[in-house]
C-alpha atoms as a PDB file:
ATOM      1  CA  MET A   1       0.000   0.000   0.000  1.00  0.00           C
ATOM      2  CA  LYS A   2       1.403   3.408  -0.936  1.00  0.00           C
ATOM      3  CA  PHE A   3       1.999   5.966   1.756  1.00  0.00           C
ATOM      4  CA  SER A   4      -0.109   8.503  -0.139  1.00  0.00           C
ATOM      5  CA  SER A   5      -3.176   6.337   0.439  1.00  0.00           C
ATOM      6  CA  ILE A   6      -2.815   6.574   4.228  1.00  0.00           C
ATOM      7  CA  PRO A   7      -4.875   9.378   5.791  1.00  0.00           C
ATOM      8  CA  TYR A   8      -2.809  12.272   7.031  1.00  0.00           C
ATOM      9  CA  ALA A   9      -3.908  11.848  10.667  1.00  0.00           C
ATOM     10  CA  ASP A  10      -2.986   8.155  10.660  1.00  0.00           C
ATOM     11  CA  ALA A  11       0.382   8.879   9.083  1.00  0.00           C
ATOM     12  CA  ALA A  12       1.103  11.527  11.710  1.00  0.00           C
ATOM     13  CA  LEU A  13       0.178   9.064  14.443  1.00  0.00           C
ATOM     14  CA  VAL A  14       2.516   6.403  13.048  1.00  0.00           C
ATOM     15  CA  ILE A  15       5.391   8.884  12.784  1.00  0.00           C
ATOM     16  CA  SER A  16       4.835  10.141  16.338  1.00  0.00           C
ATOM     17  CA  LEU A  17       4.892   6.587  17.666  1.00  0.00           C
ATOM     18  CA  LEU A  18       8.111   5.808  15.820  1.00  0.00           C
ATOM     19  CA  LEU A  19       9.770   8.948  17.116  1.00  0.00           C
ATOM     20  CA  ALA A  20       8.517   8.531  20.695  1.00  0.00           C
ATOM     21  CA  PRO A  21      11.303   8.146  23.264  1.00  0.00           C
ATOM     22  CA  LEU A  22      12.016   4.725  24.683  1.00  0.00           C
ATOM     23  CA  PRO A  23      10.816   4.013  28.213  1.00  0.00           C
ATOM     24  CA  ALA A  24      13.268   4.740  30.978  1.00  0.00           C
ATOM     25  CA  ALA A  25      13.663   1.064  31.867  1.00  0.00           C
ATOM     26  CA  ALA A  26      14.786   0.277  28.331  1.00  0.00           C
ATOM     27  CA  MET A  27      17.392   3.045  28.470  1.00  0.00           C
ATOM     28  CA  PHE A  28      19.057   1.667  31.646  1.00  0.00           C
ATOM     29  CA  ASN A  29      21.354  -1.045  30.380  1.00  0.00           C
ATOM     30  CA  CYS A  30      23.641  -2.329  33.138  1.00  0.00           C
ATOM     31  CA  GLU A  31      26.161  -3.455  30.510  1.00  0.00           C
ATOM     32  CA  LYS A  32      26.487   0.079  29.134  1.00  0.00           C
ATOM     33  CA  VAL A  33      26.081   2.564  31.954  1.00  0.00           C
ATOM     34  CA  VAL A  34      27.376   5.879  30.615  1.00  0.00           C
ATOM     35  CA  SER A  35      28.152   9.027  32.580  1.00  0.00           C
ATOM     36  CA  ASP A  36      30.311  11.998  31.562  1.00  0.00           C
ATOM     37  CA  GLY A  37      31.636  10.223  28.485  1.00  0.00           C
ATOM     38  CA  GLN A  38      32.700   7.115  30.425  1.00  0.00           C
ATOM     39  CA  GLN A  39      31.128   3.691  29.934  1.00  0.00           C
ATOM     40  CA  PHE A  40      30.841   1.089  32.692  1.00  0.00           C
ATOM     41  CA  ASN A  41      29.858  -2.565  32.475  1.00  0.00           C
ATOM     42  CA  LEU A  42      27.960  -3.609  35.621  1.00  0.00           C
ATOM     43  CA  LYS A  43      26.679  -6.906  34.262  1.00  0.00           C
ATOM     44  CA  ALA A  44      28.762  -8.828  36.816  1.00  0.00           C
ATOM     45  CA  LEU A  45      26.682  -7.187  39.569  1.00  0.00           C
ATOM     46  CA  GLY A  46      23.384  -8.327  38.066  1.00  0.00           C
ATOM     47  CA  GLY A  47      20.980 -10.689  39.773  1.00  0.00           C
ATOM     48  CA  PRO A  48      19.349 -10.370  43.203  1.00  0.00           C
ATOM     49  CA  HIS A  49      21.627  -9.111  45.990  1.00  0.00           C
ATOM     50  CA  SER A  50      20.390  -8.592  49.532  1.00  0.00           C
ATOM     51  CA  VAL A  51      21.264  -6.826  52.754  1.00  0.00           C
ATOM     52  CA  VAL A  52      19.469  -7.616  56.005  1.00  0.00           C
ATOM     53  CA  THR A  53      18.991  -5.082  58.781  1.00  0.00           C
ATOM     54  CA  SER A  54      17.760  -5.446  62.332  1.00  0.00           C
ATOM     55  CA  GLN A  55      15.821  -2.914  64.355  1.00  0.00           C
ATOM     56  CA  ILE A  56      14.956  -3.438  68.027  1.00  0.00           C
ATOM     57  CA  ASN A  57      12.026  -1.540  69.469  1.00  0.00           C
ATOM     58  CA  GLY A  58      11.439  -2.518  73.051  1.00  0.00           C
ATOM     59  CA  ASP A  59      10.801  -6.238  73.162  1.00  0.00           C
ATOM     60  CA  ARG A  60      10.021  -6.359  69.463  1.00  0.00           C
ATOM     61  CA  MET A  61      12.647  -7.120  66.804  1.00  0.00           C
ATOM     62  CA  HIS A  62      12.164  -6.227  63.162  1.00  0.00           C
ATOM     63  CA  ASN A  63      14.360  -7.605  60.396  1.00  0.00           C
ATOM     64  CA  THR A  64      14.172  -6.051  56.943  1.00  0.00           C
ATOM     65  CA  THR A  65      15.579  -7.645  53.810  1.00  0.00           C
ATOM     66  CA  TYR A  66      16.452  -5.185  51.041  1.00  0.00           C
ATOM     67  CA  THR A  67      16.932  -6.954  47.713  1.00  0.00           C
ATOM     68  CA  VAL A  68      18.171  -5.177  44.581  1.00  0.00           C
ATOM     69  CA  ASP A  69      18.740  -6.221  40.970  1.00  0.00           C
ATOM     70  CA  ILE A  70      20.226  -3.456  38.858  1.00  0.00           C
ATOM     71  CA  CYS A  71      20.011  -5.383  35.584  1.00  0.00           C
ATOM     72  CA  ALA A  72      16.466  -6.785  35.533  1.00  0.00           C
ATOM     73  CA  PRO A  73      13.231  -6.796  37.517  1.00  0.00           C
ATOM     74  CA  LEU A  74      13.190  -9.111  40.495  1.00  0.00           C
ATOM     75  CA  LYS A  75      11.606 -12.469  39.777  1.00  0.00           C
ATOM     76  CA  LYS A  76       8.968 -13.700  42.158  1.00  0.00           C
ATOM     77  CA  LYS A  77       9.384 -17.021  43.877  1.00  0.00           C
ATOM     78  CA  SER A  78       7.125 -19.720  42.518  1.00  0.00           C
ATOM     79  CA  GLY A  79       4.388 -20.849  44.849  1.00  0.00           C
ATOM     80  CA  GLY A  80       4.716 -17.883  47.183  1.00  0.00           C
ATOM     81  CA  ASN A  81       1.928 -15.675  48.425  1.00  0.00           C
ATOM     82  CA  LYS A  82       1.614 -12.713  46.065  1.00  0.00           C
ATOM     83  CA  SER A  83       0.701 -10.393  48.931  1.00  0.00           C
ATOM     84  CA  ASP A  84       4.087 -11.157  50.506  1.00  0.00           C
ATOM     85  CA  GLN A  85       6.054 -10.208  47.385  1.00  0.00           C
ATOM     86  CA  CYS A  86       6.750  -6.994  45.503  1.00  0.00           C
ATOM     87  CA  PRO A  87       4.832  -6.473  42.231  1.00  0.00           C
ATOM     88  CA  ASN A  88       6.218  -7.268  38.806  1.00  0.00           C
ATOM     89  CA  GLY A  89       8.734  -4.726  37.537  1.00  0.00           C
ATOM     90  CA  THR A  90      10.315  -4.114  40.947  1.00  0.00           C
ATOM     91  CA  ARG A  91      14.082  -3.547  40.970  1.00  0.00           C
ATOM     92  CA  VAL A  92      14.453  -2.903  44.726  1.00  0.00           C
ATOM     93  CA  CYS A  93      12.174  -4.633  47.233  1.00  0.00           C
ATOM     94  CA  ALA A  94      11.985  -4.339  51.032  1.00  0.00           C
ATOM     95  CA  ILE A  95      10.378  -7.095  53.121  1.00  0.00           C
ATOM     96  CA  LYS A  96       9.977  -6.302  56.801  1.00  0.00           C
ATOM     97  CA  ARG A  97       9.429  -9.124  59.296  1.00  0.00           C
ATOM     98  CA  LEU A  98       8.489  -9.228  62.947  1.00  0.00           C
ATOM     99  CA  ILE A  99      10.859 -11.565  64.775  1.00  0.00           C
ATOM    100  CA  LYS A 100       9.709 -13.331  67.935  1.00  0.00           C
ATOM    101  CA  PRO A 101      12.594 -15.261  69.549  1.00  0.00           C
ATOM    102  CA  GLU A 102      10.238 -17.524  71.438  1.00  0.00           C
ATOM    103  CA  GLU A 103       8.585 -18.674  68.211  1.00  0.00           C
ATOM    104  CA  THR A 104      10.009 -20.609  65.283  1.00  0.00           C
ATOM    105  CA  VAL A 105       8.235 -18.545  62.611  1.00  0.00           C
ATOM    106  CA  ASP A 106       8.277 -14.887  61.730  1.00  0.00           C
ATOM    107  CA  THR A 107       5.529 -12.618  60.492  1.00  0.00           C
ATOM    108  CA  ILE A 108       5.765 -10.486  57.375  1.00  0.00           C
ATOM    109  CA  GLU A 109       4.648  -7.021  58.409  1.00  0.00           C
ATOM    110  CA  GLU A 110       5.260  -4.957  55.295  1.00  0.00           C
ATOM    111  CA  VAL A 111       6.298  -5.425  51.669  1.00  0.00           C
ATOM    112  CA  THR A 112       7.449  -2.258  49.903  1.00  0.00           C
ATOM    113  CA  PRO A 113       8.654  -1.791  46.310  1.00  0.00           C
ATOM    114  CA  LEU A 114      11.374   0.847  46.622  1.00  0.00           C
ATOM    115  CA  ALA A 115      12.205   1.206  42.915  1.00  0.00           C
ATOM    116  CA  GLY A 116      11.174  -0.202  39.576  1.00  0.00           C
ATOM    117  CA  GLU A 117       9.004   0.215  36.527  1.00  0.00           C
ATOM    118  CA  LEU A 118       5.801   0.345  38.557  1.00  0.00           C
ATOM    119  CA  SER A 119       3.468   2.653  36.635  1.00  0.00           C
ATOM    120  CA  ASP A 120       0.962  -0.191  36.201  1.00  0.00           C
ATOM    121  CA  HIS A 121       0.895  -0.951  39.929  1.00  0.00           C
ATOM    122  CA  GLY A 122       0.308   2.491  41.408  1.00  0.00           C
ATOM    123  CA  GLY A 123       3.915   3.665  41.330  1.00  0.00           C
ATOM    124  CA  ALA A 124       5.908   5.490  38.672  1.00  0.00           C
ATOM    125  CA  ALA A 125       8.616   4.932  36.060  1.00  0.00           C
ATOM    126  CA  LEU A 126      12.101   3.747  36.995  1.00  0.00           C
ATOM    127  CA  ASP A 127      13.563   6.991  35.578  1.00  0.00           C
ATOM    128  CA  PRO A 128      17.226   6.158  36.351  1.00  0.00           C
ATOM    129  CA  ASP A 129      19.711   8.942  37.009  1.00  0.00           C
ATOM    130  CA  VAL A 130      23.449   8.181  36.725  1.00  0.00           C
ATOM    131  CA  SER A 131      26.177  10.582  37.877  1.00  0.00           C
ATOM    132  CA  ARG A 132      29.885  10.456  38.644  1.00  0.00           C
ATOM    133  CA  LEU A 133      30.646  10.601  42.372  1.00  0.00           C
ATOM    134  CA  SER A 134      33.479  13.000  41.660  1.00  0.00           C
ATOM    135  CA  LYS A 135      30.865  15.476  40.402  1.00  0.00           C
ATOM    136  CA  VAL A 136      27.989  15.027  42.874  1.00  0.00           C
ATOM    137  CA  ASP A 137      30.158  14.460  45.968  1.00  0.00           C
ATOM    138  CA  PRO A 138      33.637  15.852  45.265  1.00  0.00           C
ATOM    139  CA  GLU A 139      34.480  16.239  48.969  1.00  0.00           C
ATOM    140  CA  SER A 140      34.371  12.484  49.509  1.00  0.00           C
ATOM    141  CA  GLY A 141      37.355  11.985  47.186  1.00  0.00           C
ATOM    142  CA  LYS A 142      35.849   8.696  46.005  1.00  0.00           C
ATOM    143  CA  GLU A 143      35.664   7.473  42.431  1.00  0.00           C
ATOM    144  CA  GLY A 144      32.583   5.707  41.168  1.00  0.00           C
ATOM    145  CA  LEU A 145      28.959   6.204  40.237  1.00  0.00           C
ATOM    146  CA  ARG A 146      25.773   7.343  41.922  1.00  0.00           C
ATOM    147  CA  VAL A 147      22.689   5.645  40.526  1.00  0.00           C
ATOM    148  CA  ILE A 148      19.229   6.842  41.532  1.00  0.00           C
ATOM    149  CA  LEU A 149      16.325   4.481  40.841  1.00  0.00           C
ATOM    150  CA  LYS A 150      12.750   5.706  41.278  1.00  0.00           C
ATOM    151  CA  GLY A 151       9.210   4.443  40.831  1.00  0.00           C
ATOM    152  CA  GLY A 152       8.590   2.910  44.266  1.00  0.00           C
ATOM    153  CA  PHE A 153       5.596   3.669  46.479  1.00  0.00           C
ATOM    154  CA  SER A 154       3.713   2.773  49.657  1.00  0.00           C
ATOM    155  CA  TYR A 155       0.698   3.928  51.647  1.00  0.00           C
ATOM    156  CA  THR A 156       0.522   4.874  55.307  1.00  0.00           C
ATOM    157  CA  ASP A 157      -2.179   3.726  57.696  1.00  0.00           C
ATOM    158  CA  THR A 158      -4.041   6.949  56.862  1.00  0.00           C
ATOM    159  CA  HIS A 159      -3.851   6.136  53.117  1.00  0.00           C
ATOM    160  CA  VAL A 160      -1.245   8.796  52.378  1.00  0.00           C
ATOM    161  CA  LYS A 161       0.934   7.840  49.427  1.00  0.00           C
ATOM    162  CA  HIS A 162       4.711   8.007  49.833  1.00  0.00           C
ATOM    163  CA  ARG A 163       7.044   7.879  46.856  1.00  0.00           C
ATOM    164  CA  LYS A 164      10.134   5.684  47.182  1.00  0.00           C
ATOM    165  CA  GLN A 165      13.605   5.987  45.695  1.00  0.00           C
ATOM    166  CA  THR A 166      16.871   4.087  45.973  1.00  0.00           C
ATOM    167  CA  VAL A 167      20.293   5.735  45.833  1.00  0.00           C
ATOM    168  CA  ILE A 168      23.227   3.388  45.233  1.00  0.00           C
ATOM    169  CA  ASP A 169      26.765   4.736  45.502  1.00  0.00           C
ATOM    170  CA  PHE A 170      29.050   2.432  43.516  1.00  0.00           C
ATOM    171  CA  ILE A 171      32.534   2.906  44.990  1.00  0.00           C
ATOM    172  CA  CYS A 172      35.701   1.918  43.135  1.00  0.00           C
ATOM    173  CA  ASN A 173      37.560  -0.829  44.983  1.00  0.00           C
ATOM    174  CA  LYS A 174      40.029  -2.731  42.828  1.00  0.00           C
ATOM    175  CA  GLU A 175      40.212  -5.573  45.348  1.00  0.00           C
ATOM    176  CA  LEU A 176      36.501  -6.419  45.369  1.00  0.00           C
ATOM    177  CA  GLU A 177      34.358  -8.075  42.734  1.00  0.00           C
ATOM    178  CA  GLY A 178      31.210  -6.698  44.328  1.00  0.00           C
ATOM    179  CA  THR A 179      29.649  -9.934  45.571  1.00  0.00           C
ATOM    180  CA  GLU A 180      31.769 -10.551  48.677  1.00  0.00           C
ATOM    181  CA  GLY A 181      30.354 -11.079  52.150  1.00  0.00           C
ATOM    182  CA  GLU A 182      26.652 -11.126  51.316  1.00  0.00           C
ATOM    183  CA  TYR A 183      24.520 -11.968  54.317  1.00  0.00           C
ATOM    184  CA  ASP A 184      22.318 -15.040  54.088  1.00  0.00           C
ATOM    185  CA  SER A 185      18.860 -13.524  53.871  1.00  0.00           C
ATOM    186  CA  GLU A 186      17.271 -16.826  54.908  1.00  0.00           C
ATOM    187  CA  ASP A 187      18.751 -16.495  58.421  1.00  0.00           C
ATOM    188  CA  LYS A 188      16.184 -14.021  59.709  1.00  0.00           C
ATOM    189  CA  TYR A 189      16.598 -14.619  63.409  1.00  0.00           C
ATOM    190  CA  GLU A 190      20.147 -13.503  64.123  1.00  0.00           C
ATOM    191  CA  ALA A 191      20.206 -10.561  66.497  1.00  0.00           C
ATOM    192  CA  ARG A 192      23.018  -8.059  66.712  1.00  0.00           C
ATOM    193  CA  ALA A 193      25.596  -8.869  69.373  1.00  0.00           C
ATOM    194  CA  GLU A 194      25.985  -6.454  72.268  1.00  0.00           C
ATOM    195  CA  ASP A 195      29.628  -5.688  71.435  1.00  0.00           C
ATOM    196  CA  ASP A 196      28.591  -4.524  67.955  1.00  0.00           C
ATOM    197  CA  LYS A 197      26.954  -1.428  69.404  1.00  0.00           C
ATOM    198  CA  SER A 198      28.930   1.759  69.043  1.00  0.00           C
ATOM    199  CA  GLU A 199      29.798   4.040  71.935  1.00  0.00           C
ATOM    200  CA  ASP A 200      27.586   6.751  70.501  1.00  0.00           C
ATOM    201  CA  GLU A 201      24.588   4.484  70.878  1.00  0.00           C
ATOM    202  CA  ASP A 202      25.389   3.856  74.535  1.00  0.00           C
ATOM    203  CA  ASN A 203      26.163   7.468  75.429  1.00  0.00           C
ATOM    204  CA  ASP A 204      23.693   9.373  73.289  1.00  0.00           C
ATOM    205  CA  LYS A 205      20.480   7.467  73.754  1.00  0.00           C
ATOM    206  CA  ASP A 206      17.425   9.531  72.924  1.00  0.00           C
ATOM    207  CA  GLU A 207      14.110   8.232  74.156  1.00  0.00           C
ATOM    208  CA  ASP A 208      12.259  10.091  71.396  1.00  0.00           C
ATOM    209  CA  ALA A 209      14.554   8.965  68.557  1.00  0.00           C
ATOM    210  CA  PRO A 210      13.443   5.984  66.497  1.00  0.00           C
ATOM    211  CA  PRO A 211      15.393   2.747  67.032  1.00  0.00           C
ATOM    212  CA  LYS A 212      18.456   2.500  64.838  1.00  0.00           C
ATOM    213  CA  GLU A 213      18.420   0.147  61.897  1.00  0.00           C
ATOM    214  CA  VAL A 214      21.664  -1.847  61.783  1.00  0.00           C
ATOM    215  CA  GLN A 215      22.932  -4.139  59.041  1.00  0.00           C
ATOM    216  CA  LEU A 216      23.576  -7.753  59.985  1.00  0.00           C
ATOM    217  CA  GLY A 217      26.669  -9.692  59.005  1.00  0.00           C
ATOM    218  CA  LEU A 218      29.089  -6.742  58.859  1.00  0.00           C
ATOM    219  CA  ASP A 219      31.832  -8.955  60.289  1.00  0.00           C
ATOM    220  CA  LYS A 220      32.124 -10.431  56.781  1.00  0.00           C
ATOM    221  CA  ASN A 221      32.999  -7.007  55.311  1.00  0.00           C
ATOM    222  CA  PRO A 222      30.353  -7.166  52.579  1.00  0.00           C
ATOM    223  CA  SER A 223      30.670  -5.291  49.310  1.00  0.00           C
ATOM    224  CA  LEU A 224      27.030  -4.179  49.486  1.00  0.00           C
ATOM    225  CA  LYS A 225      26.274  -2.123  52.596  1.00  0.00           C
ATOM    226  CA  PHE A 226      23.179  -0.489  54.035  1.00  0.00           C
ATOM    227  CA  ASP A 227      23.570   3.201  54.881  1.00  0.00           C
ATOM    228  CA  ARG A 228      20.140   4.423  55.894  1.00  0.00           C
ATOM    229  CA  TYR A 229      16.489   4.475  54.983  1.00  0.00           C
ATOM    230  CA  GLY A 230      14.146   7.350  55.663  1.00  0.00           C
ATOM    231  CA  PRO A 231      12.754  10.675  54.437  1.00  0.00           C
ATOM    232  CA  SER A 232      14.692  12.444  51.715  1.00  0.00           C
ATOM    233  CA  ASP A 233      17.216  15.006  52.890  1.00  0.00           C
ATOM    234  CA  SER A 234      17.215  17.217  49.804  1.00  0.00           C
ATOM    235  CA  ASP A 235      13.636  16.958  48.541  1.00  0.00           C
ATOM    236  CA  SER A 236      11.219  19.497  49.976  1.00  0.00           C
ATOM    237  CA  ASP A 237       8.419  16.981  49.499  1.00  0.00           C
ATOM    238  CA  THR A 238       8.103  15.104  52.778  1.00  0.00           C
ATOM    239  CA  ASN A 239       6.319  12.230  51.049  1.00  0.00           C
ATOM    240  CA  VAL A 240       9.551  10.836  49.590  1.00  0.00           C
ATOM    241  CA  ASP A 241      11.490   8.064  51.336  1.00  0.00           C
ATOM    242  CA  VAL A 242      14.965   7.079  50.164  1.00  0.00           C
ATOM    243  CA  LEU A 243      17.027   3.928  50.639  1.00  0.00           C
ATOM    244  CA  HIS A 244      20.788   4.599  50.580  1.00  0.00           C
ATOM    245  CA  LEU A 245      23.176   1.774  49.731  1.00  0.00           C
ATOM    246  CA  THR A 246      26.942   1.644  49.141  1.00  0.00           C
ATOM    247  CA  TRP A 247      28.316  -0.947  46.728  1.00  0.00           C
ATOM    248  CA  SER A 248      32.080  -1.425  46.425  1.00  0.00           C
ATOM    249  CA  SER A 249      33.365  -3.068  43.260  1.00  0.00           C
ATOM    250  CA  LYS A 250      36.218  -3.009  40.763  1.00  0.00           C
ATOM    251  CA  HIS A 251      33.717  -2.680  37.932  1.00  0.00           C
ATOM    252  CA  VAL A 252      33.358   1.083  38.499  1.00  0.00           C
ATOM    253  CA  CYS A 253      37.097   1.784  38.465  1.00  0.00           C
ATOM    254  CA  LEU A 254      38.536   3.828  35.624  1.00  0.00           C
ATOM    255  CA  SER A 255      41.622   2.797  33.724  1.00  0.00           C
ATOM    256  CA  LYS A 256      44.657   5.043  33.315  1.00  0.00           C
ATOM    257  CA  ASP A 257      43.678   6.064  29.813  1.00  0.00           C
ATOM    258  CA  ASP A 258      40.132   6.893  30.883  1.00  0.00           C
ATOM    259  CA  ASP A 259      40.752   9.458  33.595  1.00  0.00           C
ATOM    260  CA  GLY A 260      44.366  10.424  33.020  1.00  0.00           C
ATOM    261  CA  SER A 261      45.063  10.276  36.748  1.00  0.00           C
ATOM    262  CA  GLY A 262      47.504   7.400  36.670  1.00  0.00           C
ATOM    263  CA  GLY A 263      45.156   4.827  38.197  1.00  0.00           C
ATOM    264  CA  SER A 264      44.515   1.464  36.631  1.00  0.00           C
ATOM    265  CA  GLY A 265      41.169  -0.158  36.023  1.00  0.00           C
ATOM    266  CA  ASP A 266      40.243  -3.797  36.276  1.00  0.00           C
ATOM    267  CA  GLU A 267      41.790  -6.325  33.927  1.00  0.00           C
ATOM    268  CA  ASP A 268      38.528  -6.995  32.153  1.00  0.00           C
ATOM    269  CA  GLY A 269      38.271  -3.373  31.118  1.00  0.00           C
ATOM    270  CA  ASP A 270      34.788  -2.902  32.545  1.00  0.00           C
ATOM    271  CA  ALA A 271      35.132   0.871  32.480  1.00  0.00           C
ATOM    272  CA  LYS A 272      35.805   1.855  28.918  1.00  0.00           C
ATOM    273  CA  LYS A 273      35.625   5.076  27.025  1.00  0.00           C
ATOM    274  CA  PRO A 274      32.987   5.018  24.295  1.00  0.00           C
ATOM    275  CA  SER A 275      34.476   4.908  20.798  1.00  0.00           C
ATOM    276  CA  SER A 276      32.970   8.265  19.861  1.00  0.00           C
ATOM    277  CA  HIS A 277      36.241  10.060  19.011  1.00  0.00           C
ATOM    278  CA  TRP A 278      38.147   9.322  15.830  1.00  0.00           C
ATOM    279  CA  GLY A 279      41.777  10.049  15.126  1.00  0.00           C
ATOM    280  CA  ALA A 280      42.948  13.029  13.054  1.00  0.00           C
ATOM    281  CA  PHE A 281      44.161  10.788  10.229  1.00  0.00           C
ATOM    282  CA  THR A 282      40.713   9.196   9.926  1.00  0.00           C
ATOM    283  CA  TRP A 283      39.083  12.614   9.668  1.00  0.00           C
ATOM    284  CA  ILE A 284      41.581  13.667   6.966  1.00  0.00           C
ATOM    285  CA  VAL A 285      40.802  10.558   4.912  1.00  0.00           C
ATOM    286  CA  ILE A 286      37.062  11.145   5.277  1.00  0.00           C
ATOM    287  CA  LEU A 287      37.342  14.826   4.279  1.00  0.00           C
ATOM    288  CA  VAL A 288      39.515  14.006   1.241  1.00  0.00           C
ATOM    289  CA  PHE A 289      37.062  11.317   0.151  1.00  0.00           C
ATOM    290  CA  LEU A 290      34.032  13.590   0.546  1.00  0.00           C
ATOM    291  CA  GLY A 291      35.807  16.451  -1.248  1.00  0.00           C
ATOM    292  CA  THR A 292      36.793  14.216  -4.166  1.00  0.00           C
ATOM    293  CA  ALA A 293      33.290  12.791  -4.429  1.00  0.00           C
ATOM    294  CA  ALA A 294      31.735  16.280  -4.360  1.00  0.00           C
ATOM    295  CA  TYR A 295      34.147  17.495  -7.045  1.00  0.00           C
ATOM    296  CA  LEU A 296      33.394  14.554  -9.371  1.00  0.00           C
ATOM    297  CA  ILE A 297      29.631  14.785  -8.882  1.00  0.00           C
ATOM    298  CA  PHE A 298      29.500  18.549  -9.414  1.00  0.00           C
ATOM    299  CA  GLY A 299      31.864  18.406 -12.405  1.00  0.00           C
ATOM    300  CA  SER A 300      29.843  15.597 -14.024  1.00  0.00           C
ATOM    301  CA  TRP A 301      26.616  17.509 -13.520  1.00  0.00           C
ATOM    302  CA  LEU A 302      28.181  20.643 -15.014  1.00  0.00           C
ATOM    303  CA  ASN A 303      29.507  18.788 -18.099  1.00  0.00           C
ATOM    304  CA  TYR A 304      26.149  17.104 -18.646  1.00  0.00           C
ATOM    305  CA  ASN A 305      24.106  20.305 -18.481  1.00  0.00           C
ATOM    306  CA  ARG A 306      26.552  22.631 -20.241  1.00  0.00           C
ATOM    307  CA  TYR A 307      28.039  20.380 -22.935  1.00  0.00           C
ATOM    308  CA  GLY A 308      25.655  17.412 -23.066  1.00  0.00           C
ATOM    309  CA  ALA A 309      28.563  15.082 -22.308  1.00  0.00           C
ATOM    310  CA  ARG A 310      28.072  11.334 -21.941  1.00  0.00           C
ATOM    311  CA  GLY A 311      30.155   8.438 -20.605  1.00  0.00           C
ATOM    312  CA  TRP A 312      33.769   9.260 -19.786  1.00  0.00           C
ATOM    313  CA  ASP A 313      33.250  12.803 -21.045  1.00  0.00           C
ATOM    314  CA  LEU A 314      31.034  13.447 -18.011  1.00  0.00           C
ATOM    315  CA  LEU A 315      33.979  13.303 -15.638  1.00  0.00           C
ATOM    316  CA  PRO A 316      35.960  16.523 -15.202  1.00  0.00           C
ATOM    317  CA  HIS A 317      39.414  16.119 -16.718  1.00  0.00           C
ATOM    318  CA  GLY A 318      38.295  12.767 -18.110  1.00  0.00           C
ATOM    319  CA  ASP A 319      41.370  12.476 -20.330  1.00  0.00           C
ATOM    320  CA  THR A 320      43.668  12.839 -17.336  1.00  0.00           C
ATOM    321  CA  ILE A 321      41.712  10.262 -15.342  1.00  0.00           C
ATOM    322  CA  ARG A 322      41.900   7.765 -18.240  1.00  0.00           C
ATOM    323  CA  ASP A 323      45.649   8.339 -18.435  1.00  0.00           C
ATOM    324  CA  ILE A 324      46.243   7.671 -14.711  1.00  0.00           C
ATOM    325  CA  PRO A 325      47.033   3.926 -15.179  1.00  0.00           C
ATOM    326  CA  TYR A 326      49.578   4.746 -17.896  1.00  0.00           C
ATOM    327  CA  LEU A 327      51.085   7.561 -15.849  1.00  0.00           C
ATOM    328  CA  LEU A 328      51.471   5.236 -12.852  1.00  0.00           C
ATOM    329  CA  LYS A 329      53.046   2.573 -15.069  1.00  0.00           C
ATOM    330  CA  ASP A 330      55.520   5.071 -16.491  1.00  0.00           C
ATOM    331  CA  TRP A 331      56.360   6.381 -13.024  1.00  0.00           C
ATOM    332  CA  ALA A 332      56.975   2.836 -11.747  1.00  0.00           C
ATOM    333  CA  ARG A 333      59.283   2.135 -14.733  1.00  0.00           C
ATOM    334  CA  ARG A 334      61.300   5.295 -14.017  1.00  0.00           C
ATOM    335  CA  VAL A 335      61.675   4.386 -10.331  1.00  0.00           C
ATOM    336  CA  LEU A 336      62.786   0.856 -11.248  1.00  0.00           C
ATOM    337  CA  ASN A 337      65.344   2.151 -13.748  1.00  0.00           C
ATOM    338  CA  THR A 338      66.691   4.616 -11.202  1.00  0.00           C
ATOM    339  CA  VAL A 339      67.120   1.886  -8.576  1.00  0.00           C
ATOM    340  CA  GLN A 340      68.812  -0.469 -11.025  1.00  0.00           C
ATOM    341  CA  GLY A 341      71.091   2.280 -12.359  1.00  0.00           C
ATOM    342  CA  SER A 342      72.260   3.267  -8.843  1.00  0.00           C
ATOM    343  CA  GLY A 343      73.342  -0.325  -8.204  1.00  0.00           C
ATOM    344  CA  SER A 344      75.519  -0.698 -11.364  1.00  0.00           C
ATOM    345  CA  ARG A 345      79.320  -0.644 -11.155  1.00  0.00           C
ATOM    346  CA  GLY A 346      81.078   2.593 -12.219  1.00  0.00           C
ATOM    347  CA  GLY A 347      84.329   2.963 -14.252  1.00  0.00           C
ATOM    348  CA  TYR A 348      85.483   1.148 -17.427  1.00  0.00           C
ATOM    349  CA  SER A 349      83.658  -1.911 -18.645  1.00  0.00           C
ATOM    350  CA  ALA A 350      85.638  -5.105 -19.165  1.00  0.00           C
ATOM    351  CA  VAL A 351      86.839  -5.887 -22.724  1.00  0.00           C
END
């Protein structure tokens, strides 16, 4: 069917759909995370990774499992209760449990999707934001990435909607893969030891302050660490809660050629500069080629319209172009004769 037979309104609709921007989730590719002209491959950090925190409030203990997958939506467990799992499209999920030491089972209190492509479930788009730590937090002196994932949501007991976000600071650590020391999320009953409490907690207890949420398993020095979870510090909207995580890995380290600072990246070259800059010689070749092509096309058009030329006569300086093979052959013969003549013996020839 010819395009002219399509109504104008339908054609405009088709064109608008083709030119529509891709969804944010499709633009976040963990294998090609680009920021400030640098490309990072975070595929090795894909899959579900969890941190477990414990919070003691009186005689009640609450354990929360935060699970994140930066490369794909989290996959629900088969056979599980859907009400105890985050909806489809979730990238970061929080499951809060009430722990009763005297009982052998725990109770799921709250399930909260903290980030993901959740527009169809009452949330919003993932809308990822990637920045270099050296730009957003230069005082820290750390190299890496800050990735902000959005789209999460929850409702309070009074049916007030809170938006959720997750901020992950990927820190360059050339000694860590990024999967070390993960806490076993199935062990939900381990309480924090008394000697793990800091002096500040013992000396600065505030009866009105909420109980502190502490990550379990820190004795293993995990790559993925929990920082804090609570209301946003920078957003004036009080209905925004943010989960802050720190993830140490070699896959966000820059090589020497990338940053020019003398550091070295990982051996796999996970942080690579996009091949968007060509060398000067390549540009010269391209410009010469385009100039030659433009000259031949314009000259042929001029000869056709002005003189009615056909065939070889269309080309500007057609006689010279036809003679190029012969000129090259003659030049090669002269060079060969010169080389052979310089190697001959001087003086009298033998009789």
